[in-house]
Amino acid sequence: MKGLYTILLLIVSNIFMTLAWYGHLKLRELKWFDALPLIAVIAISWGIAFFEYIFQVPANRIGFRENGGPFSLMQLKVIQEVVTLTVFTIFSVFAFKNESLRWNHLVAFLFLVLAVYFMFKK
């Protein structure tokens, strides 16, 4: 179960991370948000990123082998990268209509899946 909890926490964490890092690009469509100075946008992004860490830190603690979890440090990192790119892809395709999923993106995902395979290979 610790592995499942780790992955679920990483998904939630990465939703907040994606919103913090890229959400402001979508929110520029709102006049009031676009009028904000950069420091205000940074502060809002930091506020969102706070919630990223609320989920990221427990995910790593629960999932790390030396804390009783099922994953090595390297495995945690590769899982996190796959989750990050999956969440980002879903966000970019649905939030930004001018972004499209192309064949080269799918090939890149295939290589990420292979990275996970090799990371867990004994």
PDB file of N, CA and C in Angstrom:
ATOM      1  N   MET A   1       0.811  -1.207   0.000  1.00  0.00           N
ATOM      2  CA  MET A   1       0.000   0.000   0.000  1.00  0.00           C
ATOM      3  C   MET A   1       0.855   1.273   0.000  1.00  0.00           C
ATOM      4  N   LYS A   2       2.059   1.189   0.603  1.00  0.00           N
ATOM      5  CA  LYS A   2       2.903   2.379   0.651  1.00  0.00           C
ATOM      6  C   LYS A   2       3.278   2.865  -0.747  1.00  0.00           C
ATOM      7  N   GLY A   3       3.472   1.909  -1.658  1.00  0.00           N
ATOM      8  CA  GLY A   3       3.781   2.289  -3.035  1.00  0.00           C
ATOM      9  C   GLY A   3       2.625   3.031  -3.685  1.00  0.00           C
ATOM     10  N   LEU A   4       1.413   2.552  -3.457  1.00  0.00           N
ATOM     11  CA  LEU A   4       0.223   3.211  -4.009  1.00  0.00           C
ATOM     12  C   LEU A   4       0.028   4.591  -3.396  1.00  0.00           C
ATOM     13  N   TYR A   5       0.180   4.687  -2.065  1.00  0.00           N
ATOM     14  CA  TYR A   5       0.063   5.988  -1.400  1.00  0.00           C
ATOM     15  C   TYR A   5       1.104   6.968  -1.950  1.00  0.00           C
ATOM     16  N   THR A   6       2.315   6.474  -2.154  1.00  0.00           N
ATOM     17  CA  THR A   6       3.384   7.321  -2.685  1.00  0.00           C
ATOM     18  C   THR A   6       3.002   7.882  -4.049  1.00  0.00           C
ATOM     19  N   ILE A   7       2.530   7.017  -4.930  1.00  0.00           N
ATOM     20  CA  ILE A   7       2.184   7.453  -6.285  1.00  0.00           C
ATOM     21  C   ILE A   7       0.994   8.416  -6.267  1.00  0.00           C
ATOM     22  N   LEU A   8      -0.008   8.133  -5.448  1.00  0.00           N
ATOM     23  CA  LEU A   8      -1.166   9.038  -5.354  1.00  0.00           C
ATOM     24  C   LEU A   8      -0.753  10.412  -4.816  1.00  0.00           C
ATOM     25  N   LEU A   9       0.097  10.423  -3.797  1.00  0.00           N
ATOM     26  CA  LEU A   9       0.586  11.704  -3.256  1.00  0.00           C
ATOM     27  C   LEU A   9       1.419  12.447  -4.298  1.00  0.00           C
ATOM     28  N   LEU A  10       2.206  11.711  -5.075  1.00  0.00           N
ATOM     29  CA  LEU A  10       2.990  12.353  -6.132  1.00  0.00           C
ATOM     30  C   LEU A  10       2.093  12.955  -7.206  1.00  0.00           C
ATOM     31  N   ILE A  11       0.999  12.296  -7.520  1.00  0.00           N
ATOM     32  CA  ILE A  11       0.064  12.839  -8.511  1.00  0.00           C
ATOM     33  C   ILE A  11      -0.532  14.150  -8.006  1.00  0.00           C
ATOM     34  N   VAL A  12      -1.020  14.147  -6.760  1.00  0.00           N
ATOM     35  CA  VAL A  12      -1.600  15.373  -6.200  1.00  0.00           C
ATOM     36  C   VAL A  12      -0.537  16.472  -6.137  1.00  0.00           C
ATOM     37  N   SER A  13       0.655  16.124  -5.679  1.00  0.00           N
ATOM     38  CA  SER A  13       1.748  17.090  -5.603  1.00  0.00           C
ATOM     39  C   SER A  13       2.033  17.713  -6.962  1.00  0.00           C
ATOM     40  N   ASN A  14       2.058  16.886  -7.978  1.00  0.00           N
ATOM     41  CA  ASN A  14       2.394  17.378  -9.312  1.00  0.00           C
ATOM     42  C   ASN A  14       1.274  18.185  -9.946  1.00  0.00           C
ATOM     43  N   ILE A  15       0.044  17.962  -9.524  1.00  0.00           N
ATOM     44  CA  ILE A  15      -1.047  18.831  -9.982  1.00  0.00           C
ATOM     45  C   ILE A  15      -0.800  20.243  -9.458  1.00  0.00           C
ATOM     46  N   PHE A  16      -0.468  20.350  -8.164  1.00  0.00           N
ATOM     47  CA  PHE A  16      -0.161  21.670  -7.608  1.00  0.00           C
ATOM     48  C   PHE A  16       1.088  22.270  -8.248  1.00  0.00           C
ATOM     49  N   MET A  17       2.113  21.445  -8.476  1.00  0.00           N
ATOM     50  CA  MET A  17       3.337  21.943  -9.086  1.00  0.00           C
ATOM     51  C   MET A  17       3.059  22.505 -10.481  1.00  0.00           C
ATOM     52  N   THR A  18       2.286  21.773 -11.255  1.00  0.00           N
ATOM     53  CA  THR A  18       1.977  22.227 -12.616  1.00  0.00           C
ATOM     54  C   THR A  18       1.183  23.530 -12.583  1.00  0.00           C
ATOM     55  N   LEU A  19       0.232  23.624 -11.665  1.00  0.00           N
ATOM     56  CA  LEU A  19      -0.527  24.875 -11.527  1.00  0.00           C
ATOM     57  C   LEU A  19       0.376  26.030 -11.107  1.00  0.00           C
ATOM     58  N   ALA A  20       1.301  25.755 -10.183  1.00  0.00           N
ATOM     59  CA  ALA A  20       2.209  26.808  -9.721  1.00  0.00           C
ATOM     60  C   ALA A  20       3.152  27.252 -10.827  1.00  0.00           C
ATOM     61  N   TRP A  21       3.663  26.313 -11.585  1.00  0.00           N
ATOM     62  CA  TRP A  21       4.659  26.637 -12.606  1.00  0.00           C
ATOM     63  C   TRP A  21       4.058  27.178 -13.894  1.00  0.00           C
ATOM     64  N   TYR A  22       2.880  26.660 -14.284  1.00  0.00           N
ATOM     65  CA  TYR A  22       2.341  26.991 -15.601  1.00  0.00           C
ATOM     66  C   TYR A  22       0.937  27.588 -15.569  1.00  0.00           C
ATOM     67  N   GLY A  23       0.256  27.491 -14.437  1.00  0.00           N
ATOM     68  CA  GLY A  23      -1.108  28.003 -14.351  1.00  0.00           C
ATOM     69  C   GLY A  23      -1.202  29.489 -14.633  1.00  0.00           C
ATOM     70  N   HIS A  24      -0.182  30.241 -14.220  1.00  0.00           N
ATOM     71  CA  HIS A  24      -0.214  31.690 -14.455  1.00  0.00           C
ATOM     72  C   HIS A  24      -0.219  32.027 -15.938  1.00  0.00           C
ATOM     73  N   LEU A  25       0.301  31.140 -16.767  1.00  0.00           N
ATOM     74  CA  LEU A  25       0.281  31.389 -18.209  1.00  0.00           C
ATOM     75  C   LEU A  25      -1.144  31.319 -18.750  1.00  0.00           C
ATOM     76  N   LYS A  26      -1.948  30.443 -18.180  1.00  0.00           N
ATOM     77  CA  LYS A  26      -3.357  30.341 -18.572  1.00  0.00           C
ATOM     78  C   LYS A  26      -4.178  31.470 -17.952  1.00  0.00           C
ATOM     79  N   LEU A  27      -3.868  31.804 -16.703  1.00  0.00           N
ATOM     80  CA  LEU A  27      -4.628  32.851 -16.009  1.00  0.00           C
ATOM     81  C   LEU A  27      -4.407  34.242 -16.610  1.00  0.00           C
ATOM     82  N   ARG A  28      -3.403  34.391 -17.436  1.00  0.00           N
ATOM     83  CA  ARG A  28      -3.190  35.682 -18.116  1.00  0.00           C
ATOM     84  C   ARG A  28      -4.382  36.072 -18.975  1.00  0.00           C
ATOM     85  N   GLU A  29      -5.213  35.099 -19.296  1.00  0.00           N
ATOM     86  CA  GLU A  29      -6.411  35.390 -20.088  1.00  0.00           C
ATOM     87  C   GLU A  29      -7.392  36.256 -19.307  1.00  0.00           C
ATOM     88  N   LEU A  30      -7.286  36.257 -17.969  1.00  0.00           N
ATOM     89  CA  LEU A  30      -8.142  37.096 -17.133  1.00  0.00           C
ATOM     90  C   LEU A  30      -7.487  38.470 -17.004  1.00  0.00           C
ATOM     91  N   LYS A  31      -8.223  39.509 -17.315  1.00  0.00           N
ATOM     92  CA  LYS A  31      -7.659  40.863 -17.329  1.00  0.00           C
ATOM     93  C   LYS A  31      -7.063  41.250 -15.977  1.00  0.00           C
ATOM     94  N   TRP A  32      -7.763  40.963 -14.890  1.00  0.00           N
ATOM     95  CA  TRP A  32      -7.274  41.357 -13.568  1.00  0.00           C
ATOM     96  C   TRP A  32      -5.973  40.633 -13.225  1.00  0.00           C
ATOM     97  N   PHE A  33      -5.866  39.371 -13.659  1.00  0.00           N
ATOM     98  CA  PHE A  33      -4.655  38.609 -13.358  1.00  0.00           C
ATOM     99  C   PHE A  33      -3.493  39.096 -14.216  1.00  0.00           C
ATOM    100  N   ASP A  34      -3.770  39.386 -15.472  1.00  0.00           N
ATOM    101  CA  ASP A  34      -2.724  39.854 -16.378  1.00  0.00           C
ATOM    102  C   ASP A  34      -2.174  41.204 -15.934  1.00  0.00           C
ATOM    103  N   ALA A  35      -2.987  41.980 -15.215  1.00  0.00           N
ATOM    104  CA  ALA A  35      -2.552  43.300 -14.756  1.00  0.00           C
ATOM    105  C   ALA A  35      -1.669  43.225 -13.507  1.00  0.00           C
ATOM    106  N   LEU A  36      -1.584  42.063 -12.880  1.00  0.00           N
ATOM    107  CA  LEU A  36      -0.772  41.937 -11.664  1.00  0.00           C
ATOM    108  C   LEU A  36       0.714  42.104 -11.977  1.00  0.00           C
ATOM    109  N   PRO A  37       1.442  42.725 -11.064  1.00  0.00           N
ATOM    110  CA  PRO A  37       2.898  42.792 -11.263  1.00  0.00           C
ATOM    111  C   PRO A  37       3.507  41.401 -11.090  1.00  0.00           C
ATOM    112  N   LEU A  38       4.678  41.204 -11.670  1.00  0.00           N
ATOM    113  CA  LEU A  38       5.338  39.910 -11.638  1.00  0.00           C
ATOM    114  C   LEU A  38       5.528  39.389 -10.217  1.00  0.00           C
ATOM    115  N   ILE A  39       5.858  40.263  -9.275  1.00  0.00           N
ATOM    116  CA  ILE A  39       6.073  39.824  -7.896  1.00  0.00           C
ATOM    117  C   ILE A  39       4.800  39.226  -7.301  1.00  0.00           C
ATOM    118  N   ALA A  40       3.642  39.740  -7.678  1.00  0.00           N
ATOM    119  CA  ALA A  40       2.370  39.189  -7.197  1.00  0.00           C
ATOM    120  C   ALA A  40       2.121  37.806  -7.800  1.00  0.00           C
ATOM    121  N   VAL A  41       2.441  37.654  -9.075  1.00  0.00           N
ATOM    122  CA  VAL A  41       2.289  36.351  -9.731  1.00  0.00           C
ATOM    123  C   VAL A  41       3.231  35.334  -9.080  1.00  0.00           C
ATOM    124  N   ILE A  42       4.443  35.757  -8.770  1.00  0.00           N
ATOM    125  CA  ILE A  42       5.402  34.880  -8.085  1.00  0.00           C
ATOM    126  C   ILE A  42       4.860  34.487  -6.717  1.00  0.00           C
ATOM    127  N   ALA A  43       4.317  35.432  -5.971  1.00  0.00           N
ATOM    128  CA  ALA A  43       3.771  35.143  -4.641  1.00  0.00           C
ATOM    129  C   ALA A  43       2.603  34.155  -4.727  1.00  0.00           C
ATOM    130  N   ILE A  44       1.752  34.325  -5.708  1.00  0.00           N
ATOM    131  CA  ILE A  44       0.631  33.397  -5.895  1.00  0.00           C
ATOM    132  C   ILE A  44       1.164  32.005  -6.231  1.00  0.00           C
ATOM    133  N   SER A  45       2.155  31.950  -7.103  1.00  0.00           N
ATOM    134  CA  SER A  45       2.748  30.660  -7.466  1.00  0.00           C
ATOM    135  C   SER A  45       3.409  29.995  -6.264  1.00  0.00           C
ATOM    136  N   TRP A  46       4.082  30.768  -5.424  1.00  0.00           N
ATOM    137  CA  TRP A  46       4.677  30.212  -4.198  1.00  0.00           C
ATOM    138  C   TRP A  46       3.595  29.652  -3.286  1.00  0.00           C
ATOM    139  N   GLY A  47       2.492  30.360  -3.196  1.00  0.00           N
ATOM    140  CA  GLY A  47       1.384  29.882  -2.371  1.00  0.00           C
ATOM    141  C   GLY A  47       0.846  28.546  -2.857  1.00  0.00           C
ATOM    142  N   ILE A  48       0.743  28.402  -4.160  1.00  0.00           N
ATOM    143  CA  ILE A  48       0.291  27.131  -4.732  1.00  0.00           C
ATOM    144  C   ILE A  48       1.355  26.053  -4.524  1.00  0.00           C
ATOM    145  N   ALA A  49       2.620  26.427  -4.705  1.00  0.00           N
ATOM    146  CA  ALA A  49       3.715  25.465  -4.545  1.00  0.00           C
ATOM    147  C   ALA A  49       3.827  24.949  -3.111  1.00  0.00           C
ATOM    148  N   PHE A  50       3.379  25.734  -2.147  1.00  0.00           N
ATOM    149  CA  PHE A  50       3.363  25.267  -0.760  1.00  0.00           C
ATOM    150  C   PHE A  50       2.593  23.952  -0.655  1.00  0.00           C
ATOM    151  N   PHE A  51       1.457  23.871  -1.365  1.00  0.00           N
ATOM    152  CA  PHE A  51       0.650  22.655  -1.321  1.00  0.00           C
ATOM    153  C   PHE A  51       1.339  21.508  -2.057  1.00  0.00           C
ATOM    154  N   GLU A  52       2.147  21.845  -3.064  1.00  0.00           N
ATOM    155  CA  GLU A  52       2.949  20.809  -3.720  1.00  0.00           C
ATOM    156  C   GLU A  52       3.820  20.101  -2.683  1.00  0.00           C
ATOM    157  N   TYR A  53       4.478  20.884  -1.864  1.00  0.00           N
ATOM    158  CA  TYR A  53       5.391  20.305  -0.871  1.00  0.00           C
ATOM    159  C   TYR A  53       4.646  19.556   0.229  1.00  0.00           C
ATOM    160  N   ILE A  54       3.433  19.974   0.532  1.00  0.00           N
ATOM    161  CA  ILE A  54       2.637  19.262   1.542  1.00  0.00           C
ATOM    162  C   ILE A  54       2.402  17.808   1.108  1.00  0.00           C
ATOM    163  N   PHE A  55       2.335  17.569  -0.181  1.00  0.00           N
ATOM    164  CA  PHE A  55       2.130  16.217  -0.690  1.00  0.00           C
ATOM    165  C   PHE A  55       3.437  15.548  -1.129  1.00  0.00           C
ATOM    166  N   GLN A  56       4.383  16.329  -1.641  1.00  0.00           N
ATOM    167  CA  GLN A  56       5.644  15.770  -2.146  1.00  0.00           C
ATOM    168  C   GLN A  56       6.495  15.187  -1.024  1.00  0.00           C
ATOM    169  N   VAL A  57       6.650  15.912   0.057  1.00  0.00           N
ATOM    170  CA  VAL A  57       7.507  15.446   1.148  1.00  0.00           C
ATOM    171  C   VAL A  57       6.971  14.147   1.758  1.00  0.00           C
ATOM    172  N   PRO A  58       5.681  14.058   2.096  1.00  0.00           N
ATOM    173  CA  PRO A  58       5.187  12.772   2.607  1.00  0.00           C
ATOM    174  C   PRO A  58       5.302  11.633   1.583  1.00  0.00           C
ATOM    175  N   ALA A  59       5.103  11.946   0.310  1.00  0.00           N
ATOM    176  CA  ALA A  59       5.230  10.909  -0.726  1.00  0.00           C
ATOM    177  C   ALA A  59       6.625  10.302  -0.691  1.00  0.00           C
ATOM    178  N   ASN A  60       7.629  11.154  -0.623  1.00  0.00           N
ATOM    179  CA  ASN A  60       9.000  10.655  -0.600  1.00  0.00           C
ATOM    180  C   ASN A  60       9.317   9.933   0.708  1.00  0.00           C
ATOM    181  N   ARG A  61       8.823  10.435   1.812  1.00  0.00           N
ATOM    182  CA  ARG A  61       9.066   9.766   3.104  1.00  0.00           C
ATOM    183  C   ARG A  61       8.405   8.399   3.149  1.00  0.00           C
ATOM    184  N   ILE A  62       7.155   8.331   2.699  1.00  0.00           N
ATOM    185  CA  ILE A  62       6.423   7.062   2.720  1.00  0.00           C
ATOM    186  C   ILE A  62       7.045   6.063   1.741  1.00  0.00           C
ATOM    187  N   GLY A  63       7.431   6.551   0.577  1.00  0.00           N
ATOM    188  CA  GLY A  63       7.908   5.662  -0.472  1.00  0.00           C
ATOM    189  C   GLY A  63       9.353   5.227  -0.373  1.00  0.00           C
ATOM    190  N   PHE A  64      10.169   5.948   0.391  1.00  0.00           N
ATOM    191  CA  PHE A  64      11.609   5.682   0.438  1.00  0.00           C
ATOM    192  C   PHE A  64      11.905   4.401   1.203  1.00  0.00           C
ATOM    193  N   ARG A  65      12.686   3.545   0.600  1.00  0.00           N
ATOM    194  CA  ARG A  65      13.013   2.232   1.153  1.00  0.00           C
ATOM    195  C   ARG A  65      13.571   2.315   2.572  1.00  0.00           C
ATOM    196  N   GLU A  66      14.419   3.285   2.840  1.00  0.00           N
ATOM    197  CA  GLU A  66      15.042   3.390   4.163  1.00  0.00           C
ATOM    198  C   GLU A  66      14.059   3.867   5.239  1.00  0.00           C
ATOM    199  N   ASN A  67      12.884   4.293   4.824  1.00  0.00           N
ATOM    200  CA  ASN A  67      11.810   4.649   5.765  1.00  0.00           C
ATOM    201  C   ASN A  67      10.736   3.565   5.796  1.00  0.00           C
ATOM    202  N   GLY A  68      11.032   2.415   5.224  1.00  0.00           N
ATOM    203  CA  GLY A  68      10.065   1.322   5.198  1.00  0.00           C
ATOM    204  C   GLY A  68       9.229   1.260   3.937  1.00  0.00           C
ATOM    205  N   GLY A  69       9.497   2.139   2.985  1.00  0.00           N
ATOM    206  CA  GLY A  69       8.755   2.140   1.728  1.00  0.00           C
ATOM    207  C   GLY A  69       9.345   1.166   0.723  1.00  0.00           C
ATOM    208  N   PRO A  70       8.723   1.049  -0.432  1.00  0.00           N
ATOM    209  CA  PRO A  70       9.156   0.066  -1.421  1.00  0.00           C
ATOM    210  C   PRO A  70      10.192   0.558  -2.436  1.00  0.00           C
ATOM    211  N   PHE A  71      10.509   1.878  -2.454  1.00  0.00           N
ATOM    212  CA  PHE A  71      11.303   2.423  -3.550  1.00  0.00           C
ATOM    213  C   PHE A  71      12.670   2.932  -3.097  1.00  0.00           C
ATOM    214  N   SER A  72      13.657   2.745  -3.983  1.00  0.00           N
ATOM    215  CA  SER A  72      14.962   3.376  -3.769  1.00  0.00           C
ATOM    216  C   SER A  72      14.839   4.852  -4.135  1.00  0.00           C
ATOM    217  N   LEU A  73      15.852   5.608  -3.812  1.00  0.00           N
ATOM    218  CA  LEU A  73      15.860   7.041  -4.142  1.00  0.00           C
ATOM    219  C   LEU A  73      15.781   7.243  -5.655  1.00  0.00           C
ATOM    220  N   MET A  74      16.541   6.468  -6.407  1.00  0.00           N
ATOM    221  CA  MET A  74      16.523   6.587  -7.872  1.00  0.00           C
ATOM    222  C   MET A  74      15.146   6.215  -8.438  1.00  0.00           C
ATOM    223  N   GLN A  75      14.537   5.185  -7.893  1.00  0.00           N
ATOM    224  CA  GLN A  75      13.210   4.786  -8.355  1.00  0.00           C
ATOM    225  C   GLN A  75      12.180   5.875  -8.057  1.00  0.00           C
ATOM    226  N   LEU A  76      12.252   6.470  -6.871  1.00  0.00           N
ATOM    227  CA  LEU A  76      11.346   7.575  -6.535  1.00  0.00           C
ATOM    228  C   LEU A  76      11.470   8.710  -7.543  1.00  0.00           C
ATOM    229  N   LYS A  77      12.694   9.042  -7.910  1.00  0.00           N
ATOM    230  CA  LYS A  77      12.918  10.156  -8.840  1.00  0.00           C
ATOM    231  C   LYS A  77      12.339   9.854 -10.219  1.00  0.00           C
ATOM    232  N   VAL A  78      12.539   8.645 -10.710  1.00  0.00           N
ATOM    233  CA  VAL A  78      12.025   8.299 -12.033  1.00  0.00           C
ATOM    234  C   VAL A  78      10.496   8.269 -12.018  1.00  0.00           C
ATOM    235  N   ILE A  79       9.916   7.714 -10.958  1.00  0.00           N
ATOM    236  CA  ILE A  79       8.452   7.720 -10.828  1.00  0.00           C
ATOM    237  C   ILE A  79       7.947   9.157 -10.828  1.00  0.00           C
ATOM    238  N   GLN A  80       8.608  10.015 -10.070  1.00  0.00           N
ATOM    239  CA  GLN A  80       8.192  11.419  -9.980  1.00  0.00           C
ATOM    240  C   GLN A  80       8.250  12.092 -11.349  1.00  0.00           C
ATOM    241  N   GLU A  81       9.280  11.810 -12.122  1.00  0.00           N
ATOM    242  CA  GLU A  81       9.402  12.434 -13.446  1.00  0.00           C
ATOM    243  C   GLU A  81       8.301  11.966 -14.385  1.00  0.00           C
ATOM    244  N   VAL A  82       7.968  10.685 -14.338  1.00  0.00           N
ATOM    245  CA  VAL A  82       6.884  10.164 -15.181  1.00  0.00           C
ATOM    246  C   VAL A  82       5.555  10.799 -14.773  1.00  0.00           C
ATOM    247  N   VAL A  83       5.313  10.884 -13.468  1.00  0.00           N
ATOM    248  CA  VAL A  83       4.082  11.519 -12.987  1.00  0.00           C
ATOM    249  C   VAL A  83       4.050  12.979 -13.421  1.00  0.00           C
ATOM    250  N   THR A  84       5.164  13.686 -13.267  1.00  0.00           N
ATOM    251  CA  THR A  84       5.233  15.100 -13.643  1.00  0.00           C
ATOM    252  C   THR A  84       4.893  15.299 -15.116  1.00  0.00           C
ATOM    253  N   LEU A  85       5.503  14.518 -15.982  1.00  0.00           N
ATOM    254  CA  LEU A  85       5.255  14.701 -17.413  1.00  0.00           C
ATOM    255  C   LEU A  85       3.848  14.270 -17.807  1.00  0.00           C
ATOM    256  N   THR A  86       3.304  13.276 -17.131  1.00  0.00           N
ATOM    257  CA  THR A  86       1.927  12.860 -17.410  1.00  0.00           C
ATOM    258  C   THR A  86       0.945  13.965 -17.011  1.00  0.00           C
ATOM    259  N   VAL A  87       1.104  14.484 -15.797  1.00  0.00           N
ATOM    260  CA  VAL A  87       0.224  15.561 -15.327  1.00  0.00           C
ATOM    261  C   VAL A  87       0.383  16.793 -16.225  1.00  0.00           C
ATOM    262  N   PHE A  88       1.614  17.136 -16.559  1.00  0.00           N
ATOM    263  CA  PHE A  88       1.853  18.301 -17.411  1.00  0.00           C
ATOM    264  C   PHE A  88       1.205  18.124 -18.784  1.00  0.00           C
ATOM    265  N   THR A  89       1.328  16.945 -19.357  1.00  0.00           N
ATOM    266  CA  THR A  89       0.746  16.706 -20.680  1.00  0.00           C
ATOM    267  C   THR A  89      -0.766  16.858 -20.649  1.00  0.00           C
ATOM    268  N   ILE A  90      -1.396  16.274 -19.648  1.00  0.00           N
ATOM    269  CA  ILE A  90      -2.856  16.402 -19.528  1.00  0.00           C
ATOM    270  C   ILE A  90      -3.238  17.873 -19.361  1.00  0.00           C
ATOM    271  N   PHE A  91      -2.519  18.579 -18.498  1.00  0.00           N
ATOM    272  CA  PHE A  91      -2.788  20.004 -18.281  1.00  0.00           C
ATOM    273  C   PHE A  91      -2.618  20.803 -19.567  1.00  0.00           C
ATOM    274  N   SER A  92      -1.508  20.598 -20.263  1.00  0.00           N
ATOM    275  CA  SER A  92      -1.242  21.417 -21.448  1.00  0.00           C
ATOM    276  C   SER A  92      -2.227  21.151 -22.576  1.00  0.00           C
ATOM    277  N   VAL A  93      -2.641  19.908 -22.741  1.00  0.00           N
ATOM    278  CA  VAL A  93      -3.585  19.583 -23.817  1.00  0.00           C
ATOM    279  C   VAL A  93      -4.968  20.150 -23.525  1.00  0.00           C
ATOM    280  N   PHE A  94      -5.403  20.082 -22.256  1.00  0.00           N
ATOM    281  CA  PHE A  94      -6.755  20.539 -21.925  1.00  0.00           C
ATOM    282  C   PHE A  94      -6.817  22.039 -21.618  1.00  0.00           C
ATOM    283  N   ALA A  95      -5.798  22.605 -21.004  1.00  0.00           N
ATOM    284  CA  ALA A  95      -5.840  24.023 -20.641  1.00  0.00           C
ATOM    285  C   ALA A  95      -5.420  24.926 -21.795  1.00  0.00           C
ATOM    286  N   PHE A  96      -4.505  24.457 -22.616  1.00  0.00           N
ATOM    287  CA  PHE A  96      -4.016  25.249 -23.739  1.00  0.00           C
ATOM    288  C   PHE A  96      -4.436  24.559 -25.023  1.00  0.00           C
ATOM    289  N   LYS A  97      -5.468  25.066 -25.633  1.00  0.00           N
ATOM    290  CA  LYS A  97      -6.034  24.423 -26.819  1.00  0.00           C
ATOM    291  C   LYS A  97      -5.088  24.468 -28.017  1.00  0.00           C
ATOM    292  N   ASN A  98      -4.097  25.345 -27.988  1.00  0.00           N
ATOM    293  CA  ASN A  98      -3.155  25.431 -29.105  1.00  0.00           C
ATOM    294  C   ASN A  98      -2.030  24.403 -28.987  1.00  0.00           C
ATOM    295  N   GLU A  99      -1.977  23.672 -27.868  1.00  0.00           N
ATOM    296  CA  GLU A  99      -0.993  22.601 -27.698  1.00  0.00           C
ATOM    297  C   GLU A  99      -1.632  21.292 -28.147  1.00  0.00           C
ATOM    298  N   SER A 100      -0.864  20.471 -28.835  1.00  0.00           N
ATOM    299  CA  SER A 100      -1.406  19.187 -29.273  1.00  0.00           C
ATOM    300  C   SER A 100      -0.407  18.082 -28.945  1.00  0.00           C
ATOM    301  N   LEU A 101      -0.945  16.908 -28.777  1.00  0.00           N
ATOM    302  CA  LEU A 101      -0.123  15.738 -28.502  1.00  0.00           C
ATOM    303  C   LEU A 101       0.276  15.139 -29.840  1.00  0.00           C
ATOM    304  N   ARG A 102       1.579  15.060 -30.091  1.00  0.00           N
ATOM    305  CA  ARG A 102       2.073  14.570 -31.376  1.00  0.00           C
ATOM    306  C   ARG A 102       2.823  13.261 -31.195  1.00  0.00           C
ATOM    307  N   TRP A 103       3.192  12.658 -32.297  1.00  0.00           N
ATOM    308  CA  TRP A 103       3.841  11.344 -32.264  1.00  0.00           C
ATOM    309  C   TRP A 103       5.152  11.379 -31.490  1.00  0.00           C
ATOM    310  N   ASN A 104       5.911  12.462 -31.611  1.00  0.00           N
ATOM    311  CA  ASN A 104       7.200  12.524 -30.915  1.00  0.00           C
ATOM    312  C   ASN A 104       7.007  12.603 -29.401  1.00  0.00           C
ATOM    313  N   HIS A 105       5.891  13.180 -28.955  1.00  0.00           N
ATOM    314  CA  HIS A 105       5.592  13.183 -27.527  1.00  0.00           C
ATOM    315  C   HIS A 105       5.328  11.755 -27.044  1.00  0.00           C
ATOM    316  N   LEU A 106       4.594  10.997 -27.854  1.00  0.00           N
ATOM    317  CA  LEU A 106       4.293   9.610 -27.497  1.00  0.00           C
ATOM    318  C   LEU A 106       5.563   8.764 -27.455  1.00  0.00           C
ATOM    319  N   VAL A 107       6.464   9.013 -28.382  1.00  0.00           N
ATOM    320  CA  VAL A 107       7.753   8.292 -28.372  1.00  0.00           C
ATOM    321  C   VAL A 107       8.533   8.655 -27.105  1.00  0.00           C
ATOM    322  N   ALA A 108       8.513   9.913 -26.739  1.00  0.00           N
ATOM    323  CA  ALA A 108       9.201  10.333 -25.509  1.00  0.00           C
ATOM    324  C   ALA A 108       8.601   9.632 -24.293  1.00  0.00           C
ATOM    325  N   PHE A 109       7.286   9.497 -24.246  1.00  0.00           N
ATOM    326  CA  PHE A 109       6.643   8.778 -23.142  1.00  0.00           C
ATOM    327  C   PHE A 109       7.037   7.310 -23.134  1.00  0.00           C
ATOM    328  N   LEU A 110       7.150   6.731 -24.320  1.00  0.00           N
ATOM    329  CA  LEU A 110       7.591   5.345 -24.404  1.00  0.00           C
ATOM    330  C   LEU A 110       8.974   5.192 -23.769  1.00  0.00           C
ATOM    331  N   PHE A 111       9.850   6.135 -24.058  1.00  0.00           N
ATOM    332  CA  PHE A 111      11.183   6.084 -23.459  1.00  0.00           C
ATOM    333  C   PHE A 111      11.130   6.271 -21.940  1.00  0.00           C
ATOM    334  N   LEU A 112      10.189   7.076 -21.472  1.00  0.00           N
ATOM    335  CA  LEU A 112      10.026   7.218 -20.020  1.00  0.00           C
ATOM    336  C   LEU A 112       9.552   5.910 -19.383  1.00  0.00           C
ATOM    337  N   VAL A 113       8.640   5.240 -20.054  1.00  0.00           N
ATOM    338  CA  VAL A 113       8.192   3.940 -19.549  1.00  0.00           C
ATOM    339  C   VAL A 113       9.367   2.967 -19.538  1.00  0.00           C
ATOM    340  N   LEU A 114      10.184   3.009 -20.567  1.00  0.00           N
ATOM    341  CA  LEU A 114      11.382   2.164 -20.589  1.00  0.00           C
ATOM    342  C   LEU A 114      12.343   2.547 -19.464  1.00  0.00           C
ATOM    343  N   ALA A 115      12.432   3.841 -19.159  1.00  0.00           N
ATOM    344  CA  ALA A 115      13.283   4.279 -18.046  1.00  0.00           C
ATOM    345  C   ALA A 115      12.794   3.675 -16.739  1.00  0.00           C
ATOM    346  N   VAL A 116      11.483   3.657 -16.543  1.00  0.00           N
ATOM    347  CA  VAL A 116      10.923   3.050 -15.335  1.00  0.00           C
ATOM    348  C   VAL A 116      11.240   1.558 -15.318  1.00  0.00           C
ATOM    349  N   TYR A 117      11.066   0.903 -16.448  1.00  0.00           N
ATOM    350  CA  TYR A 117      11.358  -0.532 -16.532  1.00  0.00           C
ATOM    351  C   TYR A 117      12.808  -0.808 -16.126  1.00  0.00           C
ATOM    352  N   PHE A 118      13.730  -0.070 -16.713  1.00  0.00           N
ATOM    353  CA  PHE A 118      15.142  -0.305 -16.419  1.00  0.00           C
ATOM    354  C   PHE A 118      15.500   0.101 -14.989  1.00  0.00           C
ATOM    355  N   MET A 119      14.832   1.093 -14.459  1.00  0.00           N
ATOM    356  CA  MET A 119      15.110   1.514 -13.090  1.00  0.00           C
ATOM    357  C   MET A 119      14.726   0.419 -12.097  1.00  0.00           C
ATOM    358  N   PHE A 120      13.677  -0.331 -12.412  1.00  0.00           N
ATOM    359  CA  PHE A 120      13.214  -1.369 -11.498  1.00  0.00           C
ATOM    360  C   PHE A 120      13.811  -2.752 -11.821  1.00  0.00           C
ATOM    361  N   LYS A 121      14.574  -2.835 -12.912  1.00  0.00           N
ATOM    362  CA  LYS A 121      15.198  -4.105 -13.292  1.00  0.00           C
ATOM    363  C   LYS A 121      16.315  -4.442 -12.320  1.00  0.00           C
ATOM    364  N   LYS A 122      16.327  -5.673 -11.886  1.00  0.00           N
ATOM    365  CA  LYS A 122      17.366  -6.128 -10.939  1.00  0.00           C
ATOM    366  C   LYS A 122      18.645  -6.456 -11.676  1.00  0.00           C
TER     367      LYS A 122
END
